[in-house]
Amino acid sequence: MSEDDLPYHVRVTAHGDLETVGRYDFGGQLDTAMIAHPKLDPATGELFALSYNVVSKTFLKYFYITADGCKSPDVEIPVTENHAIIPDQQIVFKLQEMVLGGWLPRGVRQERLGVLPKRATDVLQCVVRARFQL
């Protein structure tokens, strides 16, 4: 995946190699770039992602794909002109599983978001701090 393109459909060949099939737009449901970091909910099979288009407004949109491949309606996210949003994620790696070929990361235990004025001169200018469990 890339930050500026549709996702790509790949398949594993009989010899274990990856083969690129081509761009994948979920059957015509995705009409703009999708970020390269979607999140899969292992319990539901849903894929959660963001898309963006630097030419049209709203630039940033949130959506999800159901386990059977149906895309949700886009949720438009206004991009602020005066603040910076800083994600702080505690990603969990299990070294033993990684060595044995397991997927990583295994998950995020807690996520915090900080919102600062763009031209902040001190961390005390943080205007919002949200904590939530994932």
Protein backbone atom coordinates (compact mmCIF):
# COMPACT_ATOMS: atom_id res chain seq x y z
CA MET A 1 0.00 0.00 0.00
CA SER A 2 0.97 3.58 -0.50
CA GLU A 3 -0.26 6.84 1.01
CA ASP A 4 -1.18 8.25 -2.42
CA ASP A 5 -2.92 5.43 -4.26
CA LEU A 6 -5.58 2.77 -4.06
CA PRO A 7 -4.64 -0.40 -2.19
CA TYR A 8 -3.20 -3.26 -4.25
CA HIS A 9 -4.58 -6.77 -4.49
CA VAL A 10 -1.82 -9.35 -4.07
CA ARG A 11 -1.97 -13.13 -3.90
CA VAL A 12 0.41 -15.85 -2.78
CA THR A 13 1.52 -18.12 -5.61
CA ALA A 14 1.87 -21.90 -5.31
CA HIS A 15 5.61 -21.33 -4.73
CA GLY A 16 5.00 -18.91 -1.85
CA ASP A 17 5.85 -15.73 -3.77
CA LEU A 18 3.68 -12.61 -3.77
CA GLU A 19 2.09 -11.67 -7.07
CA THR A 20 0.52 -8.26 -7.70
CA VAL A 21 -2.93 -8.56 -9.24
CA GLY A 22 -3.52 -4.80 -9.50
CA ARG A 23 -5.16 -1.84 -7.80
CA TYR A 24 -8.15 -2.73 -5.65
CA ASP A 25 -11.07 -0.34 -5.20
CA PHE A 26 -13.44 -2.72 -3.39
CA GLY A 27 -15.58 -3.25 -6.46
CA GLY A 28 -15.73 0.43 -7.42
CA GLN A 29 -16.62 1.58 -3.89
CA LEU A 30 -13.35 3.45 -3.23
CA ASP A 31 -12.73 6.44 -5.49
CA THR A 32 -9.71 8.07 -3.86
CA ALA A 33 -6.41 7.22 -2.16
CA MET A 34 -6.56 5.15 1.01
CA ILE A 35 -3.91 5.52 3.68
CA ALA A 36 -1.41 2.70 3.97
CA HIS A 37 -2.31 1.93 7.58
CA PRO A 38 -5.83 0.50 7.75
CA LYS A 39 -6.73 -1.41 10.90
CA LEU A 40 -8.38 -4.83 10.83
CA ASP A 41 -10.69 -5.79 13.68
CA PRO A 42 -9.84 -9.48 14.20
CA ALA A 43 -13.15 -10.10 16.00
CA THR A 44 -15.43 -8.75 13.25
CA GLY A 45 -13.26 -8.85 10.12
CA GLU A 46 -13.99 -5.17 9.48
CA LEU A 47 -11.27 -2.98 7.98
CA PHE A 48 -11.11 0.64 9.27
CA ALA A 49 -9.29 3.27 7.26
CA LEU A 50 -8.87 6.88 6.22
CA SER A 51 -8.80 8.30 2.73
CA TYR A 52 -7.78 11.69 1.52
CA ASN A 53 -7.80 13.87 -1.55
CA VAL A 54 -5.51 16.90 -1.53
CA VAL A 55 -7.48 18.58 -4.31
CA SER A 56 -11.05 18.51 -3.00
CA LYS A 57 -12.55 19.39 0.34
CA THR A 58 -13.16 17.67 2.71
CA PHE A 59 -9.58 16.43 2.46
CA LEU A 60 -9.77 13.64 5.04
CA LYS A 61 -12.46 10.96 5.34
CA TYR A 62 -13.00 7.98 7.63
CA PHE A 63 -14.70 4.78 6.48
CA TYR A 64 -14.78 1.05 7.05
CA ILE A 65 -15.22 -2.06 4.95
CA THR A 66 -17.42 -4.82 6.35
CA ALA A 67 -16.17 -8.41 6.47
CA ASP A 68 -18.18 -9.15 3.32
CA GLY A 69 -16.62 -6.22 1.40
CA CYS A 70 -19.23 -3.45 1.66
CA LYS A 71 -17.89 0.08 2.21
CA SER A 72 -19.58 2.35 4.74
CA PRO A 73 -20.52 5.93 3.86
CA ASP A 74 -17.62 8.36 4.29
CA VAL A 75 -17.40 10.43 7.47
CA GLU A 76 -15.85 13.76 6.57
CA ILE A 77 -13.21 14.98 9.02
CA PRO A 78 -12.54 18.70 9.05
CA VAL A 79 -8.84 19.49 9.04
CA THR A 80 -7.96 22.23 11.47
CA GLU A 81 -5.87 25.17 10.39
CA ASN A 82 -4.74 26.20 13.86
CA HIS A 83 -3.90 23.01 15.77
CA ALA A 84 -1.68 19.96 15.53
CA ILE A 85 -2.89 16.54 16.66
CA ILE A 86 -0.24 14.25 18.11
CA PRO A 87 -1.01 10.52 18.43
CA ASP A 88 0.78 8.54 21.13
CA GLN A 89 0.29 4.80 20.67
CA GLN A 90 1.64 2.01 22.83
CA ILE A 91 2.17 -0.74 20.28
CA VAL A 92 2.71 -4.27 21.61
CA PHE A 93 5.31 -6.53 20.01
CA LYS A 94 5.78 -10.18 20.97
CA LEU A 95 9.36 -10.99 20.01
CA GLN A 96 8.98 -14.78 20.22
CA GLU A 97 5.99 -14.74 17.85
CA MET A 98 7.81 -12.36 15.51
CA VAL A 99 10.82 -14.71 15.26
CA LEU A 100 8.45 -17.57 14.43
CA GLY A 101 6.84 -15.57 11.63
CA GLY A 102 3.87 -14.15 13.53
CA TRP A 103 2.17 -10.90 12.61
CA LEU A 104 3.17 -7.65 14.21
CA PRO A 105 2.28 -5.53 15.89
CA ARG A 106 -0.09 -7.51 18.09
CA GLY A 107 -2.16 -4.51 19.09
CA VAL A 108 -2.36 -1.16 20.76
CA ARG A 109 -3.08 -1.15 24.48
CA GLN A 110 -3.88 2.50 24.93
CA GLU A 111 -3.94 5.52 22.72
CA ARG A 112 -3.61 9.15 23.72
CA LEU A 113 -4.15 12.18 21.55
CA GLY A 114 -2.75 15.59 22.26
CA VAL A 115 -4.04 18.74 20.59
CA LEU A 116 -1.71 21.72 20.52
CA PRO A 117 -1.86 25.11 18.88
CA LYS A 118 0.32 24.93 15.75
CA ARG A 119 2.68 27.58 17.04
CA ALA A 120 2.86 26.35 20.62
CA THR A 121 6.00 27.30 22.54
CA ASP A 122 5.34 25.14 25.59
CA VAL A 123 3.76 21.73 26.15
CA LEU A 124 1.55 23.34 28.78
CA GLN A 125 -0.37 24.93 25.90
CA CYS A 126 -1.94 21.55 25.19
CA VAL A 127 -5.65 22.34 24.89
CA VAL A 128 -7.15 18.84 24.89
CA ARG A 129 -5.88 15.47 25.97
CA ALA A 130 -8.01 12.38 25.40
CA ARG A 131 -7.32 8.88 26.66
CA PHE A 132 -9.18 5.80 25.60
CA GLN A 133 -8.71 2.06 25.57
CA LEU A 134 -8.64 0.22 22.26
